[in-house]
Amino acid sequence: DSPRFQIMSLEQIQDDVKVVYRCSES
């Protein structure tokens, strides 16, 4: 039942990490 997502980008910002996901069903 969980929505599925794709990773669009993965970015290191100093000591943090930013991940952008997009829903496969959008």
PDB file of all heavy atoms in Angstrom:
ATOM      1  N   ASP A   1       0.808  -1.215   0.000  1.00  0.00           N
ATOM      2  CA  ASP A   1       0.000   0.000   0.000  1.00  0.00           C
ATOM      3  C   ASP A   1       0.843   1.267   0.000  1.00  0.00           C
ATOM      4  O   ASP A   1       0.307   2.369  -0.160  1.00  0.00           O
ATOM      5  CB  ASP A   1      -0.926   0.017   1.223  1.00  0.00           C
ATOM      6  CG  ASP A   1      -1.971  -1.086   1.165  1.00  0.00           C
ATOM      7  OD1 ASP A   1      -2.288  -1.537   0.047  1.00  0.00           O
ATOM      8  OD2 ASP A   1      -2.455  -1.497   2.236  1.00  0.00           O
ATOM      9  N   SER A   2       2.142   1.143   0.183  1.00  0.00           N
ATOM     10  CA  SER A   2       3.001   2.324   0.215  1.00  0.00           C
ATOM     11  C   SER A   2       3.181   2.900  -1.187  1.00  0.00           C
ATOM     12  O   SER A   2       3.380   2.156  -2.151  1.00  0.00           O
ATOM     13  CB  SER A   2       4.377   1.966   0.779  1.00  0.00           C
ATOM     14  OG  SER A   2       5.265   3.068   0.663  1.00  0.00           O
ATOM     15  N   PRO A   3       3.130   4.230  -1.325  1.00  0.00           N
ATOM     16  CA  PRO A   3       3.495   4.823  -2.615  1.00  0.00           C
ATOM     17  C   PRO A   3       4.963   4.566  -2.904  1.00  0.00           C
ATOM     18  O   PRO A   3       5.783   4.450  -1.983  1.00  0.00           O
ATOM     19  CB  PRO A   3       3.208   6.319  -2.413  1.00  0.00           C
ATOM     20  CG  PRO A   3       3.279   6.523  -0.935  1.00  0.00           C
ATOM     21  CD  PRO A   3       2.801   5.249  -0.320  1.00  0.00           C
ATOM     22  N   ARG A   4       5.297   4.466  -4.175  1.00  0.00           N
ATOM     23  CA  ARG A   4       6.676   4.216  -4.592  1.00  0.00           C
ATOM     24  C   ARG A   4       7.292   5.502  -5.130  1.00  0.00           C
ATOM     25  O   ARG A   4       6.634   6.276  -5.830  1.00  0.00           O
ATOM     26  CB  ARG A   4       6.728   3.137  -5.672  1.00  0.00           C
ATOM     27  CG  ARG A   4       6.078   1.826  -5.302  1.00  0.00           C
ATOM     28  CD  ARG A   4       6.825   1.083  -4.215  1.00  0.00           C
ATOM     29  NE  ARG A   4       8.189   0.734  -4.608  1.00  0.00           N
ATOM     30  CZ  ARG A   4       9.025   0.059  -3.822  1.00  0.00           C
ATOM     31  NH1 ARG A   4       8.653  -0.305  -2.606  1.00  0.00           N
ATOM     32  NH2 ARG A   4      10.240  -0.234  -4.243  1.00  0.00           N
ATOM     33  N   PHE A   5       8.569   5.724  -4.807  1.00  0.00           N
ATOM     34  CA  PHE A   5       9.260   6.941  -5.226  1.00  0.00           C
ATOM     35  C   PHE A   5      10.552   6.592  -5.945  1.00  0.00           C
ATOM     36  O   PHE A   5      11.162   5.548  -5.705  1.00  0.00           O
ATOM     37  CB  PHE A   5       9.571   7.822  -4.011  1.00  0.00           C
ATOM     38  CG  PHE A   5       8.360   8.493  -3.418  1.00  0.00           C
ATOM     39  CD1 PHE A   5       7.536   7.807  -2.544  1.00  0.00           C
ATOM     40  CD2 PHE A   5       8.037   9.796  -3.744  1.00  0.00           C
ATOM     41  CE1 PHE A   5       6.412   8.407  -2.002  1.00  0.00           C
ATOM     42  CE2 PHE A   5       6.920  10.412  -3.207  1.00  0.00           C
ATOM     43  CZ  PHE A   5       6.105   9.705  -2.329  1.00  0.00           C
ATOM     44  N   GLN A   6      10.963   7.499  -6.822  1.00  0.00           N
ATOM     45  CA  GLN A   6      12.242   7.389  -7.516  1.00  0.00           C
ATOM     46  C   GLN A   6      13.167   8.484  -7.008  1.00  0.00           C
ATOM     47  O   GLN A   6      12.723   9.618  -6.745  1.00  0.00           O
ATOM     48  CB  GLN A   6      12.070   7.570  -9.025  1.00  0.00           C
ATOM     49  CG  GLN A   6      11.243   6.498  -9.711  1.00  0.00           C
ATOM     50  CD  GLN A   6      11.030   6.849 -11.173  1.00  0.00           C
ATOM     51  OE1 GLN A   6      10.506   7.909 -11.504  1.00  0.00           O
ATOM     52  NE2 GLN A   6      11.441   5.962 -12.063  1.00  0.00           N
ATOM     53  N   ILE A   7      14.454   8.183  -6.861  1.00  0.00           N
ATOM     54  CA  ILE A   7      15.428   9.207  -6.505  1.00  0.00           C
ATOM     55  C   ILE A   7      15.731  10.036  -7.749  1.00  0.00           C
ATOM     56  O   ILE A   7      16.171   9.511  -8.768  1.00  0.00           O
ATOM     57  CB  ILE A   7      16.716   8.589  -5.945  1.00  0.00           C
ATOM     58  CG1 ILE A   7      16.436   7.868  -4.623  1.00  0.00           C
ATOM     59  CG2 ILE A   7      17.776   9.671  -5.739  1.00  0.00           C
ATOM     60  CD1 ILE A   7      17.657   7.193  -4.037  1.00  0.00           C
ATOM     61  N   MET A   8      15.502  11.351  -7.644  1.00  0.00           N
ATOM     62  CA  MET A   8      15.798  12.260  -8.747  1.00  0.00           C
ATOM     63  C   MET A   8      17.187  12.878  -8.606  1.00  0.00           C
ATOM     64  O   MET A   8      17.873  13.128  -9.588  1.00  0.00           O
ATOM     65  CB  MET A   8      14.739  13.365  -8.817  1.00  0.00           C
ATOM     66  CG  MET A   8      13.315  12.850  -8.961  1.00  0.00           C
ATOM     67  SD  MET A   8      13.087  11.804 -10.422  1.00  0.00           S
ATOM     68  CE  MET A   8      13.319  12.989 -11.734  1.00  0.00           C
ATOM     69  N   SER A   9      17.582  13.166  -7.367  1.00  0.00           N
ATOM     70  CA  SER A   9      18.916  13.710  -7.139  1.00  0.00           C
ATOM     71  C   SER A   9      19.355  13.429  -5.716  1.00  0.00           C
ATOM     72  O   SER A   9      18.530  13.259  -4.810  1.00  0.00           O
ATOM     73  CB  SER A   9      18.968  15.219  -7.423  1.00  0.00           C
ATOM     74  OG  SER A   9      18.184  15.934  -6.495  1.00  0.00           O
ATOM     75  N   LEU A  10      20.666  13.378  -5.538  1.00  0.00           N
ATOM     76  CA  LEU A  10      21.277  13.131  -4.233  1.00  0.00           C
ATOM     77  C   LEU A  10      22.432  14.113  -4.105  1.00  0.00           C
ATOM     78  O   LEU A  10      23.326  14.137  -4.951  1.00  0.00           O
ATOM     79  CB  LEU A  10      21.773  11.693  -4.159  1.00  0.00           C
ATOM     80  CG  LEU A  10      22.448  11.218  -2.878  1.00  0.00           C
ATOM     81  CD1 LEU A  10      21.453  11.197  -1.732  1.00  0.00           C
ATOM     82  CD2 LEU A  10      23.044   9.829  -3.092  1.00  0.00           C
ATOM     83  N   GLU A  11      22.393  14.943  -3.048  1.00  0.00           N
ATOM     84  CA  GLU A  11      23.347  16.044  -2.957  1.00  0.00           C
ATOM     85  C   GLU A  11      23.899  16.164  -1.545  1.00  0.00           C
ATOM     86  O   GLU A  11      23.148  16.106  -0.567  1.00  0.00           O
ATOM     87  CB  GLU A  11      22.638  17.340  -3.355  1.00  0.00           C
ATOM     88  CG  GLU A  11      23.482  18.587  -3.288  1.00  0.00           C
ATOM     89  CD  GLU A  11      22.696  19.831  -3.641  1.00  0.00           C
ATOM     90  OE1 GLU A  11      21.495  19.713  -3.939  1.00  0.00           O
ATOM     91  OE2 GLU A  11      23.296  20.918  -3.609  1.00  0.00           O
ATOM     92  N   GLN A  12      25.204  16.347  -1.446  1.00  0.00           N
ATOM     93  CA  GLN A  12      25.819  16.649  -0.158  1.00  0.00           C
ATOM     94  C   GLN A  12      25.896  18.152   0.010  1.00  0.00           C
ATOM     95  O   GLN A  12      26.399  18.868  -0.858  1.00  0.00           O
ATOM     96  CB  GLN A  12      27.217  16.040  -0.070  1.00  0.00           C
ATOM     97  CG  GLN A  12      27.899  16.294   1.269  1.00  0.00           C
ATOM     98  CD  GLN A  12      29.264  15.655   1.357  1.00  0.00           C
ATOM     99  OE1 GLN A  12      29.560  14.717   0.615  1.00  0.00           O
ATOM    100  NE2 GLN A  12      30.103  16.161   2.249  1.00  0.00           N
ATOM    101  N   ILE A  13      25.383  18.661   1.138  1.00  0.00           N
ATOM    102  CA  ILE A  13      25.442  20.087   1.456  1.00  0.00           C
ATOM    103  C   ILE A  13      26.179  20.208   2.787  1.00  0.00           C
ATOM    104  O   ILE A  13      25.602  20.002   3.851  1.00  0.00           O
ATOM    105  CB  ILE A  13      24.039  20.710   1.552  1.00  0.00           C
ATOM    106  CG1 ILE A  13      23.222  20.446   0.275  1.00  0.00           C
ATOM    107  CG2 ILE A  13      24.142  22.206   1.808  1.00  0.00           C
ATOM    108  CD1 ILE A  13      21.793  20.963   0.339  1.00  0.00           C
ATOM    109  N   GLN A  14      27.462  20.505   2.708  1.00  0.00           N
ATOM    110  CA  GLN A  14      28.334  20.458   3.881  1.00  0.00           C
ATOM    111  C   GLN A  14      28.205  19.085   4.553  1.00  0.00           C
ATOM    112  O   GLN A  14      28.458  18.073   3.925  1.00  0.00           O
ATOM    113  CB  GLN A  14      28.031  21.625   4.819  1.00  0.00           C
ATOM    114  CG  GLN A  14      28.418  22.975   4.234  1.00  0.00           C
ATOM    115  CD  GLN A  14      28.341  24.114   5.216  1.00  0.00           C
ATOM    116  OE1 GLN A  14      27.711  24.041   6.270  1.00  0.00           O
ATOM    117  NE2 GLN A  14      28.982  25.212   4.883  1.00  0.00           N
ATOM    118  N   ASP A  15      27.786  19.046   5.834  1.00  0.00           N
ATOM    119  CA  ASP A  15      27.698  17.760   6.528  1.00  0.00           C
ATOM    120  C   ASP A  15      26.331  17.099   6.375  1.00  0.00           C
ATOM    121  O   ASP A  15      26.091  16.033   6.942  1.00  0.00           O
ATOM    122  CB  ASP A  15      27.987  17.951   8.026  1.00  0.00           C
ATOM    123  CG  ASP A  15      29.441  18.314   8.283  1.00  0.00           C
ATOM    124  OD1 ASP A  15      30.302  17.913   7.481  1.00  0.00           O
ATOM    125  OD2 ASP A  15      29.702  19.016   9.279  1.00  0.00           O
ATOM    126  N   ASP A  16      25.436  17.736   5.644  1.00  0.00           N
ATOM    127  CA  ASP A  16      24.080  17.216   5.460  1.00  0.00           C
ATOM    128  C   ASP A  16      23.933  16.585   4.074  1.00  0.00           C
ATOM    129  O   ASP A  16      24.755  16.803   3.181  1.00  0.00           O
ATOM    130  CB  ASP A  16      23.052  18.342   5.617  1.00  0.00           C
ATOM    131  CG  ASP A  16      23.176  19.049   6.952  1.00  0.00           C
ATOM    132  OD1 ASP A  16      23.252  18.343   7.977  1.00  0.00           O
ATOM    133  OD2 ASP A  16      23.200  20.294   6.971  1.00  0.00           O
ATOM    134  N   VAL A  17      22.874  15.832   3.917  1.00  0.00           N
ATOM    135  CA  VAL A  17      22.556  15.211   2.633  1.00  0.00           C
ATOM    136  C   VAL A  17      21.126  15.582   2.261  1.00  0.00           C
ATOM    137  O   VAL A  17      20.225  15.561   3.109  1.00  0.00           O
ATOM    138  CB  VAL A  17      22.682  13.671   2.697  1.00  0.00           C
ATOM    139  CG1 VAL A  17      22.203  13.033   1.400  1.00  0.00           C
ATOM    140  CG2 VAL A  17      24.126  13.273   2.970  1.00  0.00           C
ATOM    141  N   LYS A  18      20.928  15.953   1.008  1.00  0.00           N
ATOM    142  CA  LYS A  18      19.588  16.243   0.489  1.00  0.00           C
ATOM    143  C   LYS A  18      19.244  15.218  -0.574  1.00  0.00           C
ATOM    144  O   LYS A  18      20.009  15.007  -1.519  1.00  0.00           O
ATOM    145  CB  LYS A  18      19.525  17.648  -0.108  1.00  0.00           C
ATOM    146  CG  LYS A  18      18.178  17.979  -0.752  1.00  0.00           C
ATOM    147  CD  LYS A  18      18.226  19.333  -1.449  1.00  0.00           C
ATOM    148  CE  LYS A  18      16.912  19.655  -2.137  1.00  0.00           C
ATOM    149  NZ  LYS A  18      16.964  20.964  -2.850  1.00  0.00           N
ATOM    150  N   VAL A  19      18.086  14.584  -0.424  1.00  0.00           N
ATOM    151  CA  VAL A  19      17.600  13.620  -1.409  1.00  0.00           C
ATOM    152  C   VAL A  19      16.263  14.121  -1.939  1.00  0.00           C
ATOM    153  O   VAL A  19      15.375  14.480  -1.154  1.00  0.00           O
ATOM    154  CB  VAL A  19      17.424  12.210  -0.800  1.00  0.00           C
ATOM    155  CG1 VAL A  19      17.099  11.208  -1.907  1.00  0.00           C
ATOM    156  CG2 VAL A  19      18.659  11.778  -0.041  1.00  0.00           C
ATOM    157  N   VAL A  20      16.141  14.169  -3.249  1.00  0.00           N
ATOM    158  CA  VAL A  20      14.874  14.545  -3.882  1.00  0.00           C
ATOM    159  C   VAL A  20      14.267  13.287  -4.491  1.00  0.00           C
ATOM    160  O   VAL A  20      14.892  12.618  -5.317  1.00  0.00           O
ATOM    161  CB  VAL A  20      15.073  15.620  -4.968  1.00  0.00           C
ATOM    162  CG1 VAL A  20      13.750  15.913  -5.679  1.00  0.00           C
ATOM    163  CG2 VAL A  20      15.642  16.894  -4.355  1.00  0.00           C
ATOM    164  N   TYR A  21      13.057  12.967  -4.049  1.00  0.00           N
ATOM    165  CA  TYR A  21      12.313  11.817  -4.552  1.00  0.00           C
ATOM    166  C   TYR A  21      11.117  12.313  -5.352  1.00  0.00           C
ATOM    167  O   TYR A  21      10.532  13.354  -5.044  1.00  0.00           O
ATOM    168  CB  TYR A  21      11.773  10.966  -3.399  1.00  0.00           C
ATOM    169  CG  TYR A  21      12.795  10.324  -2.503  1.00  0.00           C
ATOM    170  CD1 TYR A  21      13.248  10.980  -1.356  1.00  0.00           C
ATOM    171  CD2 TYR A  21      13.288   9.051  -2.772  1.00  0.00           C
ATOM    172  CE1 TYR A  21      14.167  10.384  -0.501  1.00  0.00           C
ATOM    173  CE2 TYR A  21      14.206   8.451  -1.914  1.00  0.00           C
ATOM    174  CZ  TYR A  21      14.640   9.123  -0.786  1.00  0.00           C
ATOM    175  OH  TYR A  21      15.547   8.531   0.061  1.00  0.00           O
ATOM    176  N   ARG A  22      10.734  11.550  -6.357  1.00  0.00           N
ATOM    177  CA  ARG A  22       9.511  11.853  -7.105  1.00  0.00           C
ATOM    178  C   ARG A  22       8.633  10.613  -7.116  1.00  0.00           C
ATOM    179  O   ARG A  22       9.109   9.501  -7.358  1.00  0.00           O
ATOM    180  CB  ARG A  22       9.832  12.300  -8.530  1.00  0.00           C
ATOM    181  CG  ARG A  22       8.599  12.723  -9.318  1.00  0.00           C
ATOM    182  CD  ARG A  22       8.962  13.492 -10.579  1.00  0.00           C
ATOM    183  NE  ARG A  22       9.422  14.847 -10.292  1.00  0.00           N
ATOM    184  CZ  ARG A  22       9.563  15.795 -11.216  1.00  0.00           C
ATOM    185  NH1 ARG A  22       9.278  15.520 -12.482  1.00  0.00           N
ATOM    186  NH2 ARG A  22       9.980  17.002 -10.898  1.00  0.00           N
ATOM    187  N   CYS A  23       7.347  10.816  -6.849  1.00  0.00           N
ATOM    188  CA  CYS A  23       6.411   9.699  -6.784  1.00  0.00           C
ATOM    189  C   CYS A  23       6.247   9.067  -8.159  1.00  0.00           C
ATOM    190  O   CYS A  23       5.999   9.764  -9.148  1.00  0.00           O
ATOM    191  CB  CYS A  23       5.060  10.169  -6.248  1.00  0.00           C
ATOM    192  SG  CYS A  23       3.868   8.836  -6.029  1.00  0.00           S
ATOM    193  N   SER A  24       6.381   7.753  -8.224  1.00  0.00           N
ATOM    194  CA  SER A  24       6.268   7.048  -9.507  1.00  0.00           C
ATOM    195  C   SER A  24       4.874   7.141 -10.088  1.00  0.00           C
ATOM    196  O   SER A  24       4.675   6.949 -11.295  1.00  0.00           O
ATOM    197  CB  SER A  24       6.648   5.576  -9.315  1.00  0.00           C
ATOM    198  OG  SER A  24       7.940   5.451  -8.784  1.00  0.00           O
ATOM    199  N   GLU A  25       3.866   7.444  -9.248  1.00  0.00           N
ATOM    200  CA  GLU A  25       2.485   7.472  -9.706  1.00  0.00           C
ATOM    201  C   GLU A  25       1.994   8.878 -10.032  1.00  0.00           C
ATOM    202  O   GLU A  25       0.827   9.060 -10.380  1.00  0.00           O
ATOM    203  CB  GLU A  25       1.582   6.865  -8.629  1.00  0.00           C
ATOM    204  CG  GLU A  25       1.940   5.419  -8.298  1.00  0.00           C
ATOM    205  CD  GLU A  25       1.269   4.934  -7.035  1.00  0.00           C
ATOM    206  OE1 GLU A  25       0.502   5.718  -6.438  1.00  0.00           O
ATOM    207  OE2 GLU A  25       1.510   3.783  -6.638  1.00  0.00           O
ATOM    208  N   SER A  26       2.855   9.892  -9.926  1.00  0.00           N
ATOM    209  CA  SER A  26       2.413  11.260 -10.190  1.00  0.00           C
ATOM    210  C   SER A  26       2.110  11.434 -11.663  1.00  0.00           C
ATOM    211  O   SER A  26       2.726  10.789 -12.522  1.00  0.00           O
ATOM    212  CB  SER A  26       3.490  12.262  -9.753  1.00  0.00           C
ATOM    213  OG  SER A  26       3.596  12.280  -8.346  1.00  0.00           O
TER     214      SER A  26
END
